Amino acid sequence: MATVRQDWKEPKSHNETKRGMTMELTYTKVGDYLILNLTADTDEDASLPPMGKYGRLRERFLKEHHHGTDTSMLLTGRLEPHL
């Protein structure tokens, strides 16, 4: 397993506080390729109860009428607790 440290620079935007942050990424070497080690955050999802009727209705409403909000909440991990 190879460990690579990279400097992360956010594109210039209204939020300048994250510039200069560093992340440590780990890779696994397979043949001539380095494959990024990714893990999913499943601890939070496992503690949530199954989605009910009104959660599915809310999810459908967000997808059909507020697609940007739906996508934003999905990518930031706020959609499942919201439903």
C-alpha atoms as a PDB file:
ATOM      1  CA  MET A   1       0.000   0.000   0.000  1.00  0.00           C
ATOM      2  CA  ALA A   2       1.367   3.413  -0.971  1.00  0.00           C
ATOM      3  CA  THR A   3       0.586   6.613   0.883  1.00  0.00           C
ATOM      4  CA  VAL A   4       0.577   9.843  -1.076  1.00  0.00           C
ATOM      5  CA  ARG A   5       0.170  13.288   0.439  1.00  0.00           C
ATOM      6  CA  GLN A   6      -1.300  15.900  -1.856  1.00  0.00           C
ATOM      7  CA  ASP A   7      -1.990  19.579  -1.338  1.00  0.00           C
ATOM      8  CA  TRP A   8      -5.624  20.356  -2.036  1.00  0.00           C
ATOM      9  CA  LYS A   9      -6.458  23.781  -3.446  1.00  0.00           C
ATOM     10  CA  GLU A  10     -10.095  24.766  -3.823  1.00  0.00           C
ATOM     11  CA  PRO A  11     -10.897  26.817  -6.923  1.00  0.00           C
ATOM     12  CA  LYS A  12     -11.225  30.521  -6.229  1.00  0.00           C
ATOM     13  CA  SER A  13     -14.682  31.131  -4.842  1.00  0.00           C
ATOM     14  CA  HIS A  14     -16.491  33.027  -2.105  1.00  0.00           C
ATOM     15  CA  ASN A  15     -15.217  30.531   0.481  1.00  0.00           C
ATOM     16  CA  GLU A  16     -11.481  31.146   0.825  1.00  0.00           C
ATOM     17  CA  THR A  17     -11.131  29.497   4.258  1.00  0.00           C
ATOM     18  CA  LYS A  18     -10.473  26.000   2.882  1.00  0.00           C
ATOM     19  CA  ARG A  19      -7.475  26.972   0.746  1.00  0.00           C
ATOM     20  CA  GLY A  20      -4.256  25.256   1.651  1.00  0.00           C
ATOM     21  CA  MET A  21      -5.851  22.217   3.314  1.00  0.00           C
ATOM     22  CA  THR A  22      -4.003  18.933   2.892  1.00  0.00           C
ATOM     23  CA  MET A  23      -5.496  15.477   2.581  1.00  0.00           C
ATOM     24  CA  GLU A  24      -3.738  12.183   2.994  1.00  0.00           C
ATOM     25  CA  LEU A  25      -4.788   9.671   0.363  1.00  0.00           C
ATOM     26  CA  THR A  26      -3.876   5.991   0.354  1.00  0.00           C
ATOM     27  CA  TYR A  27      -3.500   3.876  -2.739  1.00  0.00           C
ATOM     28  CA  THR A  28      -3.141   0.166  -3.408  1.00  0.00           C
ATOM     29  CA  LYS A  29      -0.755  -0.841  -6.175  1.00  0.00           C
ATOM     30  CA  VAL A  30      -2.236  -3.392  -8.580  1.00  0.00           C
ATOM     31  CA  GLY A  31       0.183  -4.226 -11.372  1.00  0.00           C
ATOM     32  CA  ASP A  32       1.325  -0.896 -12.807  1.00  0.00           C
ATOM     33  CA  TYR A  33      -1.670   1.033 -11.469  1.00  0.00           C
ATOM     34  CA  LEU A  34      -2.326   2.849  -8.197  1.00  0.00           C
ATOM     35  CA  ILE A  35      -5.970   2.464  -7.140  1.00  0.00           C
ATOM     36  CA  LEU A  36      -7.395   4.905  -4.604  1.00  0.00           C
ATOM     37  CA  ASN A  37      -8.676   3.268  -1.406  1.00  0.00           C
ATOM     38  CA  LEU A  38     -12.257   4.447  -0.905  1.00  0.00           C
ATOM     39  CA  THR A  39     -14.622   3.613   1.932  1.00  0.00           C
ATOM     40  CA  ALA A  40     -18.275   4.498   2.364  1.00  0.00           C
ATOM     41  CA  ASP A  41     -19.620   6.055   5.546  1.00  0.00           C
ATOM     42  CA  THR A  42     -22.150   3.400   6.509  1.00  0.00           C
ATOM     43  CA  ASP A  43     -22.340   4.018  10.260  1.00  0.00           C
ATOM     44  CA  GLU A  44     -24.849   6.847   9.917  1.00  0.00           C
ATOM     45  CA  ASP A  45     -26.995   5.030   7.347  1.00  0.00           C
ATOM     46  CA  ALA A  46     -27.227   1.888   9.450  1.00  0.00           C
ATOM     47  CA  SER A  47     -28.734   3.765  12.389  1.00  0.00           C
ATOM     48  CA  LEU A  48     -31.565   5.274  10.323  1.00  0.00           C
ATOM     49  CA  PRO A  49     -34.935   3.497  10.247  1.00  0.00           C
ATOM     50  CA  PRO A  50     -36.263   2.346   6.855  1.00  0.00           C
ATOM     51  CA  MET A  51     -37.888   5.086   4.790  1.00  0.00           C
ATOM     52  CA  GLY A  52     -41.660   5.160   5.096  1.00  0.00           C
ATOM     53  CA  LYS A  53     -44.456   6.320   2.831  1.00  0.00           C
ATOM     54  CA  TYR A  54     -44.028  10.034   3.512  1.00  0.00           C
ATOM     55  CA  GLY A  55     -40.255   9.858   3.209  1.00  0.00           C
ATOM     56  CA  ARG A  56     -40.619   8.372  -0.278  1.00  0.00           C
ATOM     57  CA  LEU A  57     -43.188  11.033  -1.178  1.00  0.00           C
ATOM     58  CA  ARG A  58     -40.858  13.803   0.049  1.00  0.00           C
ATOM     59  CA  GLU A  59     -37.939  12.317  -1.891  1.00  0.00           C
ATOM     60  CA  ARG A  60     -40.027  12.168  -5.073  1.00  0.00           C
ATOM     61  CA  PHE A  61     -41.207  15.767  -4.565  1.00  0.00           C
ATOM     62  CA  LEU A  62     -37.625  17.002  -4.132  1.00  0.00           C
ATOM     63  CA  LYS A  63     -36.449  15.143  -7.243  1.00  0.00           C
ATOM     64  CA  GLU A  64     -39.302  16.472  -9.388  1.00  0.00           C
ATOM     65  CA  HIS A  65     -39.653  20.049  -8.125  1.00  0.00           C
ATOM     66  CA  HIS A  66     -36.402  20.958  -6.344  1.00  0.00           C
ATOM     67  CA  HIS A  67     -33.740  19.007  -8.188  1.00  0.00           C
ATOM     68  CA  GLY A  68     -30.888  21.270  -7.043  1.00  0.00           C
ATOM     69  CA  THR A  69     -31.839  20.923  -3.385  1.00  0.00           C
ATOM     70  CA  ASP A  70     -32.196  17.160  -3.777  1.00  0.00           C
ATOM     71  CA  THR A  71     -28.778  16.825  -5.401  1.00  0.00           C
ATOM     72  CA  SER A  72     -27.111  19.109  -2.865  1.00  0.00           C
ATOM     73  CA  MET A  73     -28.572  17.226   0.092  1.00  0.00           C
ATOM     74  CA  LEU A  74     -27.633  13.876  -1.455  1.00  0.00           C
ATOM     75  CA  LEU A  75     -24.012  14.900  -2.061  1.00  0.00           C
ATOM     76  CA  THR A  76     -23.549  16.386   1.417  1.00  0.00           C
ATOM     77  CA  GLY A  77     -25.147  13.421   3.199  1.00  0.00           C
ATOM     78  CA  ARG A  78     -28.141  15.370   4.525  1.00  0.00           C
ATOM     79  CA  LEU A  79     -30.854  13.724   2.383  1.00  0.00           C
ATOM     80  CA  GLU A  80     -31.324  10.442   4.269  1.00  0.00           C
ATOM     81  CA  PRO A  81     -31.647  12.042   7.738  1.00  0.00           C
ATOM     82  CA  HIS A  82     -34.031  14.628   6.228  1.00  0.00           C
ATOM     83  CA  LEU A  83     -36.359  11.923   4.942  1.00  0.00           C
END
